[in-house]
All heavy atoms as atom14 arrays in JSON, in Angstrom:
{
  "sequence": "VIMTHGGVIMSLLSRYGLPSLPATSWMTPNGCGYALHINAHLWSIMRK",
  "atom14_mask": [
    [1, 1, 1, 1, 1, 1, 1, 0, 0, 0, 0, 0, 0, 0],
    [1, 1, 1, 1, 1, 1, 1, 1, 0, 0, 0, 0, 0, 0],
    [1, 1, 1, 1, 1, 1, 1, 1, 0, 0, 0, 0, 0, 0],
    [1, 1, 1, 1, 1, 1, 1, 0, 0, 0, 0, 0, 0, 0],
    [1, 1, 1, 1, 1, 1, 1, 1, 1, 1, 0, 0, 0, 0],
    [1, 1, 1, 1, 0, 0, 0, 0, 0, 0, 0, 0, 0, 0],
    [1, 1, 1, 1, 0, 0, 0, 0, 0, 0, 0, 0, 0, 0],
    [1, 1, 1, 1, 1, 1, 1, 0, 0, 0, 0, 0, 0, 0],
    [1, 1, 1, 1, 1, 1, 1, 1, 0, 0, 0, 0, 0, 0],
    [1, 1, 1, 1, 1, 1, 1, 1, 0, 0, 0, 0, 0, 0],
    [1, 1, 1, 1, 1, 1, 0, 0, 0, 0, 0, 0, 0, 0],
    [1, 1, 1, 1, 1, 1, 1, 1, 0, 0, 0, 0, 0, 0],
    [1, 1, 1, 1, 1, 1, 1, 1, 0, 0, 0, 0, 0, 0],
    [1, 1, 1, 1, 1, 1, 0, 0, 0, 0, 0, 0, 0, 0],
    [1, 1, 1, 1, 1, 1, 1, 1, 1, 1, 1, 0, 0, 0],
    [1, 1, 1, 1, 1, 1, 1, 1, 1, 1, 1, 1, 0, 0],
    [1, 1, 1, 1, 0, 0, 0, 0, 0, 0, 0, 0, 0, 0],
    [1, 1, 1, 1, 1, 1, 1, 1, 0, 0, 0, 0, 0, 0],
    [1, 1, 1, 1, 1, 1, 1, 0, 0, 0, 0, 0, 0, 0],
    [1, 1, 1, 1, 1, 1, 0, 0, 0, 0, 0, 0, 0, 0],
    [1, 1, 1, 1, 1, 1, 1, 1, 0, 0, 0, 0, 0, 0],
    [1, 1, 1, 1, 1, 1, 1, 0, 0, 0, 0, 0, 0, 0],
    [1, 1, 1, 1, 1, 0, 0, 0, 0, 0, 0, 0, 0, 0],
    [1, 1, 1, 1, 1, 1, 1, 0, 0, 0, 0, 0, 0, 0],
    [1, 1, 1, 1, 1, 1, 0, 0, 0, 0, 0, 0, 0, 0],
    [1, 1, 1, 1, 1, 1, 1, 1, 1, 1, 1, 1, 1, 1],
    [1, 1, 1, 1, 1, 1, 1, 1, 0, 0, 0, 0, 0, 0],
    [1, 1, 1, 1, 1, 1, 1, 0, 0, 0, 0, 0, 0, 0],
    [1, 1, 1, 1, 1, 1, 1, 0, 0, 0, 0, 0, 0, 0],
    [1, 1, 1, 1, 1, 1, 1, 1, 0, 0, 0, 0, 0, 0],
    [1, 1, 1, 1, 0, 0, 0, 0, 0, 0, 0, 0, 0, 0],
    [1, 1, 1, 1, 1, 1, 0, 0, 0, 0, 0, 0, 0, 0],
    [1, 1, 1, 1, 0, 0, 0, 0, 0, 0, 0, 0, 0, 0],
    [1, 1, 1, 1, 1, 1, 1, 1, 1, 1, 1, 1, 0, 0],
    [1, 1, 1, 1, 1, 0, 0, 0, 0, 0, 0, 0, 0, 0],
    [1, 1, 1, 1, 1, 1, 1, 1, 0, 0, 0, 0, 0, 0],
    [1, 1, 1, 1, 1, 1, 1, 1, 1, 1, 0, 0, 0, 0],
    [1, 1, 1, 1, 1, 1, 1, 1, 0, 0, 0, 0, 0, 0],
    [1, 1, 1, 1, 1, 1, 1, 1, 0, 0, 0, 0, 0, 0],
    [1, 1, 1, 1, 1, 0, 0, 0, 0, 0, 0, 0, 0, 0],
    [1, 1, 1, 1, 1, 1, 1, 1, 1, 1, 0, 0, 0, 0],
    [1, 1, 1, 1, 1, 1, 1, 1, 0, 0, 0, 0, 0, 0],
    [1, 1, 1, 1, 1, 1, 1, 1, 1, 1, 1, 1, 1, 1],
    [1, 1, 1, 1, 1, 1, 0, 0, 0, 0, 0, 0, 0, 0],
    [1, 1, 1, 1, 1, 1, 1, 1, 0, 0, 0, 0, 0, 0],
    [1, 1, 1, 1, 1, 1, 1, 1, 0, 0, 0, 0, 0, 0],
    [1, 1, 1, 1, 1, 1, 1, 1, 1, 1, 1, 0, 0, 0],
    [1, 1, 1, 1, 1, 1, 1, 1, 1, 0, 0, 0, 0, 0]
  ],
  "atom14_positions": [
    [[-4.34, 7.27, 10.0], [-3.5, 7.89, 8.98], [-2.04, 7.54, 9.25], [-1.59, 7.58, 10.41], [-3.65, 9.43, 8.99], [-2.56, 10.09, 8.13], [-5.01, 9.83, 8.47], [0.0, 0.0, 0.0], [0.0, 0.0, 0.0], [0.0, 0.0, 0.0], [0.0, 0.0, 0.0], [0.0, 0.0, 0.0], [0.0, 0.0, 0.0], [0.0, 0.0, 0.0]],
    [[-1.31, 7.18, 8.2], [0.14, 7.02, 8.29], [0.76, 8.06, 7.36], [0.62, 7.98, 6.14], [0.59, 5.6, 7.91], [-0.03, 4.57, 8.85], [2.12, 5.5, 7.93], [0.31, 3.13, 8.51], [0.0, 0.0, 0.0], [0.0, 0.0, 0.0], [0.0, 0.0, 0.0], [0.0, 0.0, 0.0], [0.0, 0.0, 0.0], [0.0, 0.0, 0.0]],
    [[1.43, 9.07, 7.95], [2.1, 10.11, 7.18], [3.55, 9.69, 6.95], [4.31, 9.53, 7.9], [2.06, 11.44, 7.93], [2.66, 12.59, 7.13], [1.67, 13.04, 5.67], [0.2, 13.72, 6.47], [0.0, 0.0, 0.0], [0.0, 0.0, 0.0], [0.0, 0.0, 0.0], [0.0, 0.0, 0.0], [0.0, 0.0, 0.0], [0.0, 0.0, 0.0]],
    [[3.91, 9.5, 5.69], [5.21, 8.92, 5.42], [5.79, 9.48, 4.11], [5.58, 10.65, 3.79], [5.11, 7.37, 5.44], [6.4, 6.8, 5.27], [4.14, 6.83, 4.42], [0.0, 0.0, 0.0], [0.0, 0.0, 0.0], [0.0, 0.0, 0.0], [0.0, 0.0, 0.0], [0.0, 0.0, 0.0], [0.0, 0.0, 0.0], [0.0, 0.0, 0.0]],
    [[6.5, 8.66, 3.35], [7.29, 9.11, 2.21], [6.93, 8.29, 0.96], [6.39, 7.19, 1.05], [8.78, 8.96, 2.53], [9.16, 9.64, 3.81], [9.58, 10.95, 3.87], [9.17, 9.19, 5.1], [9.83, 11.28, 5.12], [9.59, 10.23, 5.88], [0.0, 0.0, 0.0], [0.0, 0.0, 0.0], [0.0, 0.0, 0.0], [0.0, 0.0, 0.0]],
    [[7.29, 8.85, -0.19], [6.93, 8.21, -1.45], [7.46, 6.8, -1.59], [6.75, 5.89, -2.02], [0.0, 0.0, 0.0], [0.0, 0.0, 0.0], [0.0, 0.0, 0.0], [0.0, 0.0, 0.0], [0.0, 0.0, 0.0], [0.0, 0.0, 0.0], [0.0, 0.0, 0.0], [0.0, 0.0, 0.0], [0.0, 0.0, 0.0], [0.0, 0.0, 0.0]],
    [[8.73, 6.59, -1.24], [9.32, 5.26, -1.36], [8.68, 4.25, -0.44], [8.53, 3.07, -0.79], [0.0, 0.0, 0.0], [0.0, 0.0, 0.0], [0.0, 0.0, 0.0], [0.0, 0.0, 0.0], [0.0, 0.0, 0.0], [0.0, 0.0, 0.0], [0.0, 0.0, 0.0], [0.0, 0.0, 0.0], [0.0, 0.0, 0.0], [0.0, 0.0, 0.0]],
    [[8.29, 4.71, 0.75], [7.62, 3.81, 1.71], [6.27, 3.37, 1.15], [5.92, 2.18, 1.19], [7.44, 4.51, 3.06], [6.64, 3.63, 4.03], [8.8, 4.86, 3.67], [0.0, 0.0, 0.0], [0.0, 0.0, 0.0], [0.0, 0.0, 0.0], [0.0, 0.0, 0.0], [0.0, 0.0, 0.0], [0.0, 0.0, 0.0], [0.0, 0.0, 0.0]],
    [[5.5, 4.32, 0.63], [4.19, 3.99, 0.08], [4.31, 3.02, -1.09], [3.59, 2.01, -1.16], [3.46, 5.28, -0.36], [3.13, 6.13, 0.87], [2.18, 4.95, -1.14], [2.57, 7.5, 0.55], [0.0, 0.0, 0.0], [0.0, 0.0, 0.0], [0.0, 0.0, 0.0], [0.0, 0.0, 0.0], [0.0, 0.0, 0.0], [0.0, 0.0, 0.0]],
    [[5.22, 3.29, -2.0], [5.42, 2.4, -3.15], [5.76, 0.98, -2.7], [5.21, 0.0, -3.23], [6.54, 2.95, -4.04], [6.17, 4.23, -4.77], [7.61, 5.03, -5.52], [8.08, 3.8, -6.75], [0.0, 0.0, 0.0], [0.0, 0.0, 0.0], [0.0, 0.0, 0.0], [0.0, 0.0, 0.0], [0.0, 0.0, 0.0], [0.0, 0.0, 0.0]],
    [[6.64, 0.87, -1.73], [7.07, -0.45, -1.27], [5.96, -1.2, -0.56], [5.76, -2.4, -0.79], [8.29, -0.31, -0.34], [9.39, 0.22, -1.04], [0.0, 0.0, 0.0], [0.0, 0.0, 0.0], [0.0, 0.0, 0.0], [0.0, 0.0, 0.0], [0.0, 0.0, 0.0], [0.0, 0.0, 0.0], [0.0, 0.0, 0.0], [0.0, 0.0, 0.0]],
    [[5.21, -0.51, 0.3], [4.13, -1.18, 1.02], [3.02, -1.64, 0.08], [2.51, -2.76, 0.22], [3.55, -0.24, 2.08], [4.44, 0.06, 3.29], [3.77, 1.07, 4.21], [4.79, -1.21, 4.06], [0.0, 0.0, 0.0], [0.0, 0.0, 0.0], [0.0, 0.0, 0.0], [0.0, 0.0, 0.0], [0.0, 0.0, 0.0], [0.0, 0.0, 0.0]],
    [[2.64, -0.81, -0.88], [1.57, -1.19, -1.79], [1.98, -2.34, -2.7], [1.16, -3.23, -3.0], [1.11, 0.01, -2.61], [0.5, 1.18, -1.84], [-0.05, 2.23, -2.81], [-0.6, 0.71, -0.91], [0.0, 0.0, 0.0], [0.0, 0.0, 0.0], [0.0, 0.0, 0.0], [0.0, 0.0, 0.0], [0.0, 0.0, 0.0], [0.0, 0.0, 0.0]],
    [[3.23, -2.35, -3.15], [3.68, -3.45, -4.01], [3.84, -4.75, -3.22], [3.68, -5.83, -3.78], [4.99, -3.08, -4.7], [6.04, -2.91, -3.77], [0.0, 0.0, 0.0], [0.0, 0.0, 0.0], [0.0, 0.0, 0.0], [0.0, 0.0, 0.0], [0.0, 0.0, 0.0], [0.0, 0.0, 0.0], [0.0, 0.0, 0.0], [0.0, 0.0, 0.0]],
    [[4.11, -4.65, -1.94], [4.31, -5.85, -1.11], [2.99, -6.45, -0.64], [2.77, -7.66, -0.7], [5.17, -5.5, 0.11], [5.26, -6.58, 1.19], [5.92, -7.85, 0.69], [6.03, -8.84, 1.73], [5.06, -9.68, 2.08], [3.88, -9.63, 1.44], [5.24, -10.56, 3.03], [0.0, 0.0, 0.0], [0.0, 0.0, 0.0], [0.0, 0.0, 0.0]],
    [[2.06, -5.61, -0.18], [0.85, -6.11, 0.47], [-0.45, -5.84, -0.3], [-1.49, -6.36, 0.06], [0.69, -5.46, 1.85], [1.81, -5.72, 2.82], [2.68, -4.69, 3.19], [2.0, -6.97, 3.39], [3.7, -4.91, 4.1], [3.03, -7.21, 4.3], [3.87, -6.17, 4.65], [4.89, -6.39, 5.56], [0.0, 0.0, 0.0], [0.0, 0.0, 0.0]],
    [[-0.4, -4.98, -1.3], [-1.62, -4.47, -1.88], [-2.33, -5.38, -2.87], [-1.7, -6.13, -3.6], [0.0, 0.0, 0.0], [0.0, 0.0, 0.0], [0.0, 0.0, 0.0], [0.0, 0.0, 0.0], [0.0, 0.0, 0.0], [0.0, 0.0, 0.0], [0.0, 0.0, 0.0], [0.0, 0.0, 0.0], [0.0, 0.0, 0.0], [0.0, 0.0, 0.0]],
    [[-3.64, -5.27, -2.88], [-4.51, -5.86, -3.9], [-5.3, -4.72, -4.52], [-6.0, -4.0, -3.79], [-5.46, -6.89, -3.28], [-4.81, -8.14, -2.66], [-5.87, -8.98, -1.96], [-4.08, -8.96, -3.7], [0.0, 0.0, 0.0], [0.0, 0.0, 0.0], [0.0, 0.0, 0.0], [0.0, 0.0, 0.0], [0.0, 0.0, 0.0], [0.0, 0.0, 0.0]],
    [[-5.18, -4.46, -5.82], [-4.5, -5.3, -6.82], [-2.99, -5.3, -6.65], [-2.4, -4.36, -6.16], [-4.9, -4.64, -8.15], [-5.13, -3.2, -7.78], [-5.76, -3.24, -6.43], [0.0, 0.0, 0.0], [0.0, 0.0, 0.0], [0.0, 0.0, 0.0], [0.0, 0.0, 0.0], [0.0, 0.0, 0.0], [0.0, 0.0, 0.0], [0.0, 0.0, 0.0]],
    [[-2.39, -6.41, -7.09], [-0.95, -6.6, -6.98], [-0.26, -6.01, -8.21], [-0.42, -6.5, -9.32], [-0.64, -8.1, -6.85], [0.75, -8.3, -6.73], [0.0, 0.0, 0.0], [0.0, 0.0, 0.0], [0.0, 0.0, 0.0], [0.0, 0.0, 0.0], [0.0, 0.0, 0.0], [0.0, 0.0, 0.0], [0.0, 0.0, 0.0], [0.0, 0.0, 0.0]],
    [[0.51, -4.92, -7.99], [1.2, -4.24, -9.07], [2.62, -3.88, -8.63], [2.9, -3.79, -7.43], [0.45, -2.96, -9.45], [-0.96, -3.13, -10.04], [-1.67, -1.77, -10.12], [-0.9, -3.77, -11.42], [0.0, 0.0, 0.0], [0.0, 0.0, 0.0], [0.0, 0.0, 0.0], [0.0, 0.0, 0.0], [0.0, 0.0, 0.0], [0.0, 0.0, 0.0]],
    [[3.54, -3.67, -9.58], [4.91, -3.3, -9.21], [4.97, -1.94, -8.53], [4.06, -1.1, -8.7], [5.66, -3.3, -10.55], [4.61, -3.14, -11.58], [3.38, -3.8, -11.05], [0.0, 0.0, 0.0], [0.0, 0.0, 0.0], [0.0, 0.0, 0.0], [0.0, 0.0, 0.0], [0.0, 0.0, 0.0], [0.0, 0.0, 0.0], [0.0, 0.0, 0.0]],
    [[6.05, -1.7, -7.8], [6.19, -0.48, -7.01], [6.05, 0.78, -7.86], [5.46, 1.78, -7.42], [7.54, -0.49, -6.28], [0.0, 0.0, 0.0], [0.0, 0.0, 0.0], [0.0, 0.0, 0.0], [0.0, 0.0, 0.0], [0.0, 0.0, 0.0], [0.0, 0.0, 0.0], [0.0, 0.0, 0.0], [0.0, 0.0, 0.0], [0.0, 0.0, 0.0]],
    [[6.55, 0.73, -9.09], [6.5, 1.92, -9.94], [5.08, 2.33, -10.32], [4.85, 3.44, -10.78], [7.32, 1.69, -11.23], [6.89, 0.45, -11.84], [8.8, 1.61, -10.92], [0.0, 0.0, 0.0], [0.0, 0.0, 0.0], [0.0, 0.0, 0.0], [0.0, 0.0, 0.0], [0.0, 0.0, 0.0], [0.0, 0.0, 0.0], [0.0, 0.0, 0.0]],
    [[4.11, 1.43, -10.11], [2.72, 1.76, -10.39], [2.11, 2.66, -9.31], [1.04, 3.22, -9.5], [1.87, 0.49, -10.49], [2.34, -0.36, -11.51], [0.0, 0.0, 0.0], [0.0, 0.0, 0.0], [0.0, 0.0, 0.0], [0.0, 0.0, 0.0], [0.0, 0.0, 0.0], [0.0, 0.0, 0.0], [0.0, 0.0, 0.0], [0.0, 0.0, 0.0]],
    [[2.82, 2.78, -8.19], [2.26, 3.48, -7.03], [3.02, 4.76, -6.7], [3.07, 5.18, -5.55], [2.23, 2.55, -5.82], [1.49, 1.27, -6.05], [2.01, 0.01, -6.07], [0.09, 1.12, -6.3], [1.03, -0.92, -6.32], [-0.17, -0.27, -6.46], [-0.98, 2.01, -6.39], [-1.44, -0.78, -6.71], [-2.24, 1.5, -6.65], [-2.46, 0.13, -6.8]],
    [[3.63, 5.39, -7.7], [4.29, 6.67, -7.47], [3.25, 7.7, -7.03], [2.17, 7.79, -7.62], [5.03, 7.12, -8.72], [6.17, 6.2, -9.1], [7.07, 6.71, -10.6], [7.9, 8.17, -9.98], [0.0, 0.0, 0.0], [0.0, 0.0, 0.0], [0.0, 0.0, 0.0], [0.0, 0.0, 0.0], [0.0, 0.0, 0.0], [0.0, 0.0, 0.0]],
    [[3.56, 8.46, -5.99], [2.56, 9.29, -5.31], [3.01, 10.75, -5.24], [4.08, 11.04, -4.71], [2.35, 8.77, -3.87], [2.07, 7.37, -3.91], [1.21, 9.48, -3.19], [0.0, 0.0, 0.0], [0.0, 0.0, 0.0], [0.0, 0.0, 0.0], [0.0, 0.0, 0.0], [0.0, 0.0, 0.0], [0.0, 0.0, 0.0], [0.0, 0.0, 0.0]],
    [[2.21, 11.68, -5.74], [2.56, 13.11, -5.61], [2.58, 13.55, -4.15], [1.94, 12.93, -3.29], [1.45, 13.82, -6.39], [0.84, 12.77, -7.26], [0.98, 11.49, -6.51], [0.0, 0.0, 0.0], [0.0, 0.0, 0.0], [0.0, 0.0, 0.0], [0.0, 0.0, 0.0], [0.0, 0.0, 0.0], [0.0, 0.0, 0.0], [0.0, 0.0, 0.0]],
    [[3.26, 14.65, -3.89], [3.29, 15.19, -2.53], [1.88, 15.57, -2.06], [1.08, 16.13, -2.81], [4.18, 16.43, -2.47], [5.64, 16.11, -2.72], [6.1, 16.19, -3.86], [6.35, 15.73, -1.69], [0.0, 0.0, 0.0], [0.0, 0.0, 0.0], [0.0, 0.0, 0.0], [0.0, 0.0, 0.0], [0.0, 0.0, 0.0], [0.0, 0.0, 0.0]],
    [[1.58, 15.22, -0.82], [0.28, 15.52, -0.24], [-0.81, 14.55, -0.61], [-1.96, 14.72, -0.18], [0.0, 0.0, 0.0], [0.0, 0.0, 0.0], [0.0, 0.0, 0.0], [0.0, 0.0, 0.0], [0.0, 0.0, 0.0], [0.0, 0.0, 0.0], [0.0, 0.0, 0.0], [0.0, 0.0, 0.0], [0.0, 0.0, 0.0], [0.0, 0.0, 0.0]],
    [[-0.47, 13.53, -1.38], [-1.46, 12.56, -1.85], [-1.18, 11.17, -1.27], [-0.19, 10.97, -0.57], [-1.46, 12.5, -3.37], [-1.92, 14.06, -4.16], [0.0, 0.0, 0.0], [0.0, 0.0, 0.0], [0.0, 0.0, 0.0], [0.0, 0.0, 0.0], [0.0, 0.0, 0.0], [0.0, 0.0, 0.0], [0.0, 0.0, 0.0], [0.0, 0.0, 0.0]],
    [[-2.04, 10.22, -1.56], [-1.83, 8.88, -1.05], [-2.96, 7.94, -1.44], [-3.64, 8.16, -2.45], [0.0, 0.0, 0.0], [0.0, 0.0, 0.0], [0.0, 0.0, 0.0], [0.0, 0.0, 0.0], [0.0, 0.0, 0.0], [0.0, 0.0, 0.0], [0.0, 0.0, 0.0], [0.0, 0.0, 0.0], [0.0, 0.0, 0.0], [0.0, 0.0, 0.0]],
    [[-3.16, 6.92, -0.61], [-4.13, 5.88, -0.92], [-4.9, 5.45, 0.34], [-4.35, 5.44, 1.44], [-3.43, 4.65, -1.51], [-2.83, 4.91, -2.86], [-1.52, 5.35, -2.99], [-3.58, 4.74, -4.02], [-0.96, 5.62, -4.23], [-3.04, 5.0, -5.28], [-1.73, 5.44, -5.37], [-1.2, 5.72, -6.61], [0.0, 0.0, 0.0], [0.0, 0.0, 0.0]],
    [[-6.17, 5.11, 0.13], [-7.0, 4.53, 1.18], [-6.94, 3.01, 1.08], [-7.08, 2.45, 0.0], [-8.44, 5.02, 1.05], [0.0, 0.0, 0.0], [0.0, 0.0, 0.0], [0.0, 0.0, 0.0], [0.0, 0.0, 0.0], [0.0, 0.0, 0.0], [0.0, 0.0, 0.0], [0.0, 0.0, 0.0], [0.0, 0.0, 0.0], [0.0, 0.0, 0.0]],
    [[-6.75, 2.36, 2.22], [-6.65, 0.91, 2.28], [-7.73, 0.35, 3.2], [-8.08, 0.97, 4.2], [-5.28, 0.49, 2.84], [-4.04, 1.27, 2.39], [-2.83, 0.78, 3.17], [-3.83, 1.15, 0.9], [0.0, 0.0, 0.0], [0.0, 0.0, 0.0], [0.0, 0.0, 0.0], [0.0, 0.0, 0.0], [0.0, 0.0, 0.0], [0.0, 0.0, 0.0]],
    [[-8.24, -0.83, 2.85], [-9.09, -1.58, 3.75], [-8.36, -2.85, 4.14], [-7.9, -3.6, 3.27], [-10.43, -1.93, 3.08], [-11.37, -0.78, 3.0], [-12.63, -0.89, 2.44], [-11.26, 0.5, 3.42], [-13.24, 0.28, 2.51], [-12.43, 1.14, 3.09], [0.0, 0.0, 0.0], [0.0, 0.0, 0.0], [0.0, 0.0, 0.0], [0.0, 0.0, 0.0]],
    [[-8.25, -3.08, 5.44], [-7.6, -4.29, 5.93], [-8.63, -5.13, 6.66], [-9.13, -4.74, 7.72], [-6.41, -3.96, 6.85], [-5.37, -3.14, 6.09], [-5.79, -5.25, 7.4], [-4.11, -2.87, 6.88], [0.0, 0.0, 0.0], [0.0, 0.0, 0.0], [0.0, 0.0, 0.0], [0.0, 0.0, 0.0], [0.0, 0.0, 0.0], [0.0, 0.0, 0.0]],
    [[-8.97, -6.25, 6.09], [-9.84, -7.22, 6.73], [-8.99, -8.11, 7.62], [-8.0, -8.7, 7.17], [-10.56, -8.06, 5.66], [-11.43, -9.13, 6.26], [-10.94, -10.2, 6.61], [-12.72, -8.86, 6.37], [0.0, 0.0, 0.0], [0.0, 0.0, 0.0], [0.0, 0.0, 0.0], [0.0, 0.0, 0.0], [0.0, 0.0, 0.0], [0.0, 0.0, 0.0]],
    [[-9.36, -8.19, 8.88], [-8.52, -8.9, 9.86], [-8.29, -10.35, 9.46], [-7.19, -10.89, 9.64], [-9.16, -8.82, 11.24], [0.0, 0.0, 0.0], [0.0, 0.0, 0.0], [0.0, 0.0, 0.0], [0.0, 0.0, 0.0], [0.0, 0.0, 0.0], [0.0, 0.0, 0.0], [0.0, 0.0, 0.0], [0.0, 0.0, 0.0], [0.0, 0.0, 0.0]],
    [[-9.3, -11.01, 8.89], [-9.15, -12.41, 8.5], [-8.21, -12.55, 7.31], [-7.29, -13.38, 7.32], [-10.51, -13.01, 8.17], [-10.44, -14.44, 7.72], [-10.03, -15.47, 8.54], [-10.72, -15.02, 6.51], [-10.06, -16.61, 7.87], [-10.47, -16.36, 6.64], [0.0, 0.0, 0.0], [0.0, 0.0, 0.0], [0.0, 0.0, 0.0], [0.0, 0.0, 0.0]],
    [[-8.42, -11.73, 6.29], [-7.54, -11.78, 5.11], [-6.11, -11.47, 5.49], [-5.17, -12.13, 5.02], [-8.04, -10.78, 4.06], [-7.22, -10.7, 2.76], [-7.32, -12.02, 1.99], [-7.72, -9.55, 1.88], [0.0, 0.0, 0.0], [0.0, 0.0, 0.0], [0.0, 0.0, 0.0], [0.0, 0.0, 0.0], [0.0, 0.0, 0.0], [0.0, 0.0, 0.0]],
    [[-5.92, -10.49, 6.37], [-4.57, -10.14, 6.8], [-3.91, -11.3, 7.53], [-2.73, -11.59, 7.34], [-4.61, -8.9, 7.69], [-3.27, -8.47, 8.2], [-2.74, -8.67, 9.44], [-2.26, -7.76, 7.45], [-1.48, -8.13, 9.52], [-1.16, -7.57, 8.32], [-2.19, -7.27, 6.15], [0.0, -6.91, 7.92], [-1.03, -6.62, 5.74], [0.04, -6.45, 6.62]],
    [[-4.68, -11.99, 8.35], [-4.11, -13.07, 9.16], [-3.65, -14.26, 8.31], [-2.69, -14.94, 8.66], [-5.12, -13.55, 10.21], [-6.21, -14.22, 9.6], [0.0, 0.0, 0.0], [0.0, 0.0, 0.0], [0.0, 0.0, 0.0], [0.0, 0.0, 0.0], [0.0, 0.0, 0.0], [0.0, 0.0, 0.0], [0.0, 0.0, 0.0], [0.0, 0.0, 0.0]],
    [[-4.33, -14.5, 7.18], [-3.97, -15.68, 6.38], [-3.09, -15.35, 5.17], [-2.36, -16.2, 4.69], [-5.23, -16.44, 5.91], [-6.12, -15.56, 5.03], [-6.0, -16.99, 7.1], [-7.29, -16.29, 4.4], [0.0, 0.0, 0.0], [0.0, 0.0, 0.0], [0.0, 0.0, 0.0], [0.0, 0.0, 0.0], [0.0, 0.0, 0.0], [0.0, 0.0, 0.0]],
    [[-3.15, -14.08, 4.68], [-2.45, -13.75, 3.44], [-1.49, -12.56, 3.56], [-0.69, -12.33, 2.66], [-3.45, -13.46, 2.31], [-4.26, -14.63, 1.85], [-5.33, -14.16, 0.45], [-4.12, -13.71, -0.81], [0.0, 0.0, 0.0], [0.0, 0.0, 0.0], [0.0, 0.0, 0.0], [0.0, 0.0, 0.0], [0.0, 0.0, 0.0], [0.0, 0.0, 0.0]],
    [[-1.6, -11.8, 4.65], [-0.84, -10.55, 4.76], [-1.1, -9.67, 3.53], [-0.18, -9.2, 2.87], [0.65, -10.81, 4.93], [1.06, -11.32, 6.31], [0.81, -10.21, 7.35], [1.39, -10.53, 8.65], [0.73, -11.09, 9.65], [-0.54, -11.45, 9.48], [1.29, -11.31, 10.8], [0.0, 0.0, 0.0], [0.0, 0.0, 0.0], [0.0, 0.0, 0.0]],
    [[-2.38, -9.42, 3.24], [-2.76, -8.59, 2.11], [-3.84, -7.59, 2.56], [-4.63, -7.86, 3.46], [-3.33, -9.43, 0.96], [-2.31, -10.32, 0.27], [-1.29, -9.51, -0.53], [-0.3, -10.39, -1.26], [0.72, -9.59, -1.99], [0.0, 0.0, 0.0], [0.0, 0.0, 0.0], [0.0, 0.0, 0.0], [0.0, 0.0, 0.0], [0.0, 0.0, 0.0]]
  ]
}
């Protein structure tokens, strides 16, 4: 778990996330967030 802030979540998802969407698509209510899967191979070649 990474407990952080709305702006941080928006920026990380728009930078690394698939599907690829602008930061404003990832506005997050308080106490909420997103589950991510990071495949070590995909991360190593694409940073996604």
